[in-house]
N, C-alpha and C. Protein backbone atom coordinates (compact mmCIF):
# COMPACT_ATOMS: atom_id res chain seq x y z
N MET A 1 23.14 16.42 -6.08
CA MET A 1 23.40 17.74 -6.00
C MET A 1 22.04 18.40 -5.97
N LYS A 2 21.41 17.75 -6.56
CA LYS A 2 19.95 18.71 -6.81
C LYS A 2 19.12 18.18 -5.62
N ASP A 3 19.12 16.97 -5.00
CA ASP A 3 18.94 16.23 -3.85
C ASP A 3 19.19 17.47 -2.90
N TRP A 4 20.46 17.50 -2.27
CA TRP A 4 21.28 18.38 -1.77
C TRP A 4 20.56 19.73 -1.93
N LEU A 5 20.24 20.55 -2.80
CA LEU A 5 19.98 21.96 -2.66
C LEU A 5 18.68 22.04 -2.34
N ARG A 6 17.47 21.15 -2.71
CA ARG A 6 16.22 20.72 -2.13
C ARG A 6 16.40 20.55 -0.78
N ASN A 7 17.05 19.74 0.45
CA ASN A 7 17.43 19.57 1.32
C ASN A 7 17.42 21.07 1.87
N VAL A 8 18.61 21.77 1.29
CA VAL A 8 19.08 22.70 1.92
C VAL A 8 17.85 24.02 1.92
N PHE A 9 17.33 24.36 0.75
CA PHE A 9 16.23 25.16 0.53
C PHE A 9 14.75 24.90 0.94
N SER A 10 14.80 23.78 1.21
CA SER A 10 13.33 23.30 2.00
C SER A 10 12.33 23.75 0.53
N ILE A 11 12.87 22.82 -0.34
CA ILE A 11 11.48 23.18 -1.58
C ILE A 11 11.20 21.54 -1.90
N ARG A 12 10.94 20.56 -0.88
CA ARG A 12 10.52 19.51 -1.31
C ARG A 12 9.10 19.76 -1.42
N THR A 13 8.44 18.99 -2.39
CA THR A 13 6.86 18.78 -2.64
C THR A 13 6.53 17.42 -2.50
N LYS A 14 5.56 17.06 -1.58
CA LYS A 14 4.95 16.05 -1.54
C LYS A 14 4.44 15.75 -2.60
N ARG A 15 5.14 14.27 -2.93
CA ARG A 15 4.03 13.83 -4.47
C ARG A 15 2.69 13.14 -4.12
N ARG A 16 1.92 13.76 -4.93
CA ARG A 16 0.49 12.95 -5.11
C ARG A 16 0.43 11.86 -5.05
N LEU A 17 -1.05 11.00 -5.02
CA LEU A 17 -1.10 10.14 -5.31
C LEU A 17 -0.77 9.39 -6.71
N PRO A 18 -0.09 8.39 -7.28
CA PRO A 18 -0.14 8.06 -8.71
C PRO A 18 -1.83 7.69 -9.07
N PRO A 19 -1.92 8.09 -10.17
CA PRO A 19 -3.20 7.86 -10.64
C PRO A 19 -3.43 6.42 -10.48
N VAL A 20 -4.88 6.13 -10.43
CA VAL A 20 -5.77 4.89 -10.16
C VAL A 20 -5.38 3.66 -11.83
N GLY A 21 -4.92 2.97 -11.36
CA GLY A 21 -4.84 1.99 -12.75
C GLY A 21 -6.22 0.73 -12.37
N ARG A 22 -5.69 -0.11 -13.35
CA ARG A 22 -6.14 -1.14 -13.12
C ARG A 22 -6.32 -2.14 -12.22
N ALA A 23 -6.96 -3.08 -12.17
CA ALA A 23 -6.85 -3.88 -11.24
C ALA A 23 -5.69 -4.86 -10.74
N PRO A 24 -5.10 -5.22 -10.19
CA PRO A 24 -3.62 -5.98 -10.12
C PRO A 24 -3.84 -7.07 -10.11
N LYS A 25 -2.77 -7.61 -10.90
CA LYS A 25 -3.30 -9.61 -10.84
C LYS A 25 -2.16 -9.99 -10.27
N VAL A 26 -2.86 -11.33 -9.66
CA VAL A 26 -2.14 -12.11 -8.67
C VAL A 26 -0.56 -11.94 -8.80
N GLY A 27 0.53 -12.03 -7.85
CA GLY A 27 1.56 -11.63 -7.69
C GLY A 27 1.91 -10.16 -7.64
N ALA A 28 1.00 -9.70 -7.61
CA ALA A 28 1.83 -7.56 -8.14
C ALA A 28 1.65 -7.26 -6.47
N TYR A 29 2.60 -6.32 -6.23
CA TYR A 29 2.72 -5.57 -4.94
C TYR A 29 1.87 -4.02 -4.92
N LEU A 30 0.76 -3.72 -3.86
CA LEU A 30 0.20 -2.48 -3.69
C LEU A 30 0.52 -2.07 -2.59
N VAL A 31 0.94 -0.62 -2.61
CA VAL A 31 1.34 0.11 -2.03
C VAL A 31 0.56 1.26 -1.67
N SER A 32 0.51 2.03 -0.23
CA SER A 32 0.36 2.56 0.80
C SER A 32 1.23 3.55 1.48
N GLY A 33 1.47 4.43 1.88
CA GLY A 33 2.47 4.99 2.41
C GLY A 33 3.71 4.72 2.66
N ASP A 34 4.09 3.56 3.46
CA ASP A 34 5.23 3.08 4.07
C ASP A 34 4.80 1.43 3.61
N MET A 35 3.48 1.13 3.51
CA MET A 35 3.33 -0.11 3.71
C MET A 35 3.08 -0.41 1.99
N LYS A 36 3.23 -2.34 2.11
CA LYS A 36 3.59 -2.90 0.88
C LYS A 36 2.68 -4.29 1.19
N MET A 37 1.77 -4.63 0.29
CA MET A 37 0.95 -5.83 0.44
C MET A 37 1.07 -6.35 -1.06
N HIS A 38 1.50 -8.05 -0.47
CA HIS A 38 1.32 -8.94 -1.75
C HIS A 38 -0.12 -9.17 -2.40
N VAL A 39 -0.22 -9.03 -3.63
CA VAL A 39 -2.03 -9.69 -4.23
C VAL A 39 -1.71 -11.06 -4.31
N THR A 40 -2.30 -12.12 -3.69
CA THR A 40 -2.02 -13.49 -3.36
C THR A 40 -3.32 -14.26 -4.44
N ARG A 41 -4.36 -13.46 -4.35
CA ARG A 41 -5.75 -14.09 -5.07
C ARG A 41 -6.29 -13.14 -6.33
N PRO A 42 -7.07 -13.56 -6.88
CA PRO A 42 -8.10 -12.31 -7.63
C PRO A 42 -8.55 -11.20 -6.96
N VAL A 43 -8.66 -10.16 -7.55
CA VAL A 43 -9.09 -8.72 -7.17
C VAL A 43 -10.42 -9.08 -7.46
N SER A 44 -11.50 -8.53 -6.56
CA SER A 44 -12.91 -8.41 -6.89
C SER A 44 -12.54 -7.01 -7.18
N ARG A 45 -14.12 -6.50 -7.96
CA ARG A 45 -14.45 -5.01 -8.40
C ARG A 45 -14.31 -4.32 -7.03
N ASP A 46 -15.30 -5.09 -6.23
CA ASP A 46 -15.36 -4.30 -5.09
C ASP A 46 -14.25 -3.95 -4.20
N LEU A 47 -13.61 -4.87 -4.35
CA LEU A 47 -12.58 -4.72 -2.85
C LEU A 47 -11.32 -3.87 -3.77
N TRP A 48 -11.04 -3.88 -5.30
CA TRP A 48 -10.20 -3.25 -5.87
C TRP A 48 -10.95 -1.32 -5.40
N ASP A 49 -12.23 -1.17 -5.53
CA ASP A 49 -12.53 0.46 -5.40
C ASP A 49 -12.41 0.59 -3.94
N TRP A 50 -12.79 -0.52 -2.95
CA TRP A 50 -12.34 0.10 -1.62
C TRP A 50 -11.13 0.13 -1.45
N MET A 51 -9.95 -0.33 -1.83
CA MET A 51 -8.80 0.00 -1.78
C MET A 51 -8.12 1.61 -2.14
N VAL A 52 -8.62 1.59 -3.20
CA VAL A 52 -8.33 3.22 -3.91
C VAL A 52 -8.52 3.76 -3.08
N LEU A 53 -10.29 3.90 -2.90
CA LEU A 53 -10.47 4.98 -1.77
C LEU A 53 -9.45 4.96 -0.60
N SER A 54 -8.82 3.95 -0.07
CA SER A 54 -8.24 4.06 0.92
C SER A 54 -6.56 4.38 1.08
N GLY A 55 -6.49 4.42 -0.03
CA GLY A 55 -5.19 4.98 -0.83
C GLY A 55 -4.14 4.29 -1.33
N TRP A 56 -4.33 2.92 -1.98
CA TRP A 56 -3.72 1.61 -2.27
C TRP A 56 -3.76 1.98 -3.46
N ARG A 57 -2.03 1.60 -4.16
CA ARG A 57 -2.34 1.81 -5.53
C ARG A 57 -0.98 0.47 -5.82
N ASN A 58 -0.88 0.37 -7.00
CA ASN A 58 -0.14 -0.51 -7.57
C ASN A 58 0.85 0.22 -7.69
N VAL A 59 1.93 -0.90 -7.52
CA VAL A 59 3.56 -0.69 -7.24
C VAL A 59 3.76 -0.01 -8.76
N PRO A 60 4.01 1.31 -9.30
CA PRO A 60 4.46 1.34 -10.26
C PRO A 60 5.52 1.39 -11.18
N VAL A 61 6.97 0.33 -10.84
CA VAL A 61 7.87 0.38 -11.42
C VAL A 61 8.12 -1.20 -11.20
N ALA A 62 8.99 -1.67 -11.86
CA ALA A 62 9.14 -3.28 -11.86
C ALA A 62 10.31 -3.26 -10.66
N ASN A 63 11.18 -2.83 -10.42
CA ASN A 63 11.99 -2.40 -9.52
C ASN A 63 12.50 -1.21 -8.15
N ASP A 64 10.99 -1.40 -7.15
CA ASP A 64 10.64 -0.06 -6.68
C ASP A 64 11.84 -0.41 -5.42
N ARG A 65 12.94 0.66 -5.26
CA ARG A 65 13.88 0.75 -4.44
C ARG A 65 13.41 1.41 -3.14
N ARG A 66 11.97 2.00 -3.03
CA ARG A 66 11.85 2.60 -1.84
C ARG A 66 11.43 1.78 -0.67
N GLN A 67 11.75 2.15 0.48
CA GLN A 67 12.28 1.34 1.56
C GLN A 67 10.65 1.14 2.01
N MET A 68 9.86 0.26 2.47
CA MET A 68 8.65 0.01 2.75
C MET A 68 8.77 -1.32 3.68
N ARG A 69 7.45 -1.21 4.62
CA ARG A 69 7.36 -2.48 5.29
C ARG A 69 6.54 -3.47 4.26
N ASP A 70 6.88 -4.59 4.92
CA ASP A 70 6.03 -5.36 4.12
C ASP A 70 4.81 -6.01 5.12
N LEU A 71 3.10 -5.89 4.66
CA LEU A 71 2.40 -6.52 5.63
C LEU A 71 2.39 -7.85 5.40
N PRO A 72 2.18 -8.75 6.08
CA PRO A 72 1.97 -10.06 6.22
C PRO A 72 1.12 -10.57 5.16
N GLU A 73 1.58 -12.11 4.74
CA GLU A 73 1.03 -12.32 3.47
C GLU A 73 -0.13 -12.69 3.52
N ASP A 74 -0.94 -13.21 4.72
CA ASP A 74 -2.02 -13.38 4.69
C ASP A 74 -2.94 -12.14 4.65
N THR A 75 -2.12 -10.80 4.18
CA THR A 75 -3.41 -9.59 4.70
C THR A 75 -4.31 -9.25 3.55
N PHE A 76 -4.00 -9.74 2.28
CA PHE A 76 -4.59 -9.80 1.26
C PHE A 76 -6.09 -10.75 1.31
N SER A 77 -6.09 -11.84 1.76
CA SER A 77 -6.92 -12.87 1.61
C SER A 77 -7.52 -12.60 2.63
N LYS A 78 -7.35 -11.84 4.15
CA LYS A 78 -8.02 -11.78 5.01
C LYS A 78 -9.36 -10.28 4.50
N LEU A 79 -8.30 -9.63 3.62
CA LEU A 79 -9.17 -8.38 3.19
C LEU A 79 -10.36 -8.83 2.16
N LEU A 80 -10.00 -9.88 1.35
CA LEU A 80 -10.80 -10.25 0.29
C LEU A 80 -12.23 -10.99 0.93
N GLU A 81 -11.66 -12.07 2.02
CA GLU A 81 -12.66 -12.49 2.69
C GLU A 81 -13.54 -11.24 3.95
N SER A 82 -13.13 -10.62 4.19
CA SER A 82 -13.88 -9.79 4.94
C SER A 82 -15.24 -9.32 4.49
N VAL A 83 -16.17 -8.88 5.20
CA VAL A 83 -17.12 -8.22 5.13
C VAL A 83 -16.73 -6.90 4.70
N PRO A 84 -17.15 -6.37 3.74
CA PRO A 84 -17.25 -4.66 3.44
C PRO A 84 -16.90 -3.38 4.58
N ALA A 85 -18.37 -3.94 5.28
CA ALA A 85 -18.29 -2.64 6.45
C ALA A 85 -17.57 -3.02 7.76
N GLU A 86 -16.20 -4.21 7.44
CA GLU A 86 -15.38 -4.63 8.73
C GLU A 86 -13.94 -4.32 8.05
N ARG A 87 -13.75 -3.79 6.67
CA ARG A 87 -12.27 -3.85 5.97
C ARG A 87 -11.50 -3.01 6.67
N ASP A 88 -12.31 -1.41 7.04
CA ASP A 88 -11.37 -0.41 7.43
C ASP A 88 -10.51 -0.74 9.10
N ALA A 89 -11.89 -1.58 10.06
CA ALA A 89 -11.10 -1.62 11.39
C ALA A 89 -10.00 -2.99 10.99
N LEU A 90 -10.50 -3.89 10.10
CA LEU A 90 -9.35 -5.51 9.80
C LEU A 90 -8.08 -4.65 9.45
N LEU A 91 -7.79 -3.56 8.47
CA LEU A 91 -6.63 -3.08 7.85
C LEU A 91 -5.86 -2.27 8.85
N ALA A 92 -6.76 -1.47 9.70
CA ALA A 92 -6.32 -0.99 10.85
C ALA A 92 -5.42 -1.46 11.74
N ARG A 93 -6.02 -2.48 12.06
CA ARG A 93 -5.53 -3.54 13.17
C ARG A 93 -3.97 -4.09 12.93
N ILE A 94 -4.24 -4.86 11.35
CA ILE A 94 -3.15 -5.24 10.65
C ILE A 94 -1.80 -4.41 10.50
N MET A 95 -2.04 -3.04 9.90
CA MET A 95 -1.12 -2.09 9.80
C MET A 95 -0.45 -1.83 11.14
N ARG A 96 -1.64 -1.86 12.50
CA ARG A 96 -1.13 -1.11 13.55
C ARG A 96 -0.42 -2.41 14.00
N SER A 97 -0.58 -3.78 14.23
CA SER A 97 0.80 -4.73 14.64
C SER A 97 1.84 -5.26 13.89
N ALA A 98 1.91 -4.52 12.31
CA ALA A 98 3.25 -4.45 11.63
C ALA A 98 3.77 -3.53 12.32
N LYS A 99 3.11 -2.29 12.28
CA LYS A 99 4.12 -1.53 13.04
C LYS A 99 4.72 -1.50 14.61
N GLN A 100 3.99 -2.09 15.29
CA GLN A 100 4.60 -2.65 16.41
C GLN A 100 5.60 -3.59 16.58
N SER A 101 5.40 -4.73 15.58
CA SER A 101 6.26 -5.97 15.45
C SER A 101 7.90 -5.28 14.85
N GLU A 102 7.74 -4.17 14.22
CA GLU A 102 8.77 -4.05 13.58
C GLU A 102 9.47 -2.74 14.81
N SER A 103 9.11 -1.95 15.54
CA SER A 103 9.49 -1.33 16.10
C SER A 103 10.21 -2.13 17.27
N ALA A 104 9.53 -3.39 17.89
CA ALA A 104 9.76 -4.07 18.68
C ALA A 104 11.16 -4.70 18.54
């Protein structure tokens, strides 16, 4: 009922980014917008700082029911191995291809 009222009266508020937590452990998931990435290797401090500034956060709950697109399994490894100056371009390419492959 509350959900319906919020829709009728257009009183939805956009959620803020959750607070930054500790670096995720191997096996955790990170989210940014509607994208989800699986952490497959230990996170370096440098990579975690960059990811936080790019809007990535730990999934806050164990059973997350939100509809998200999974990025390819090797995405995290590629970001970890990339040169810091090239991470933005690499992530943009990966996200663009993930969006195109879902719409196709």
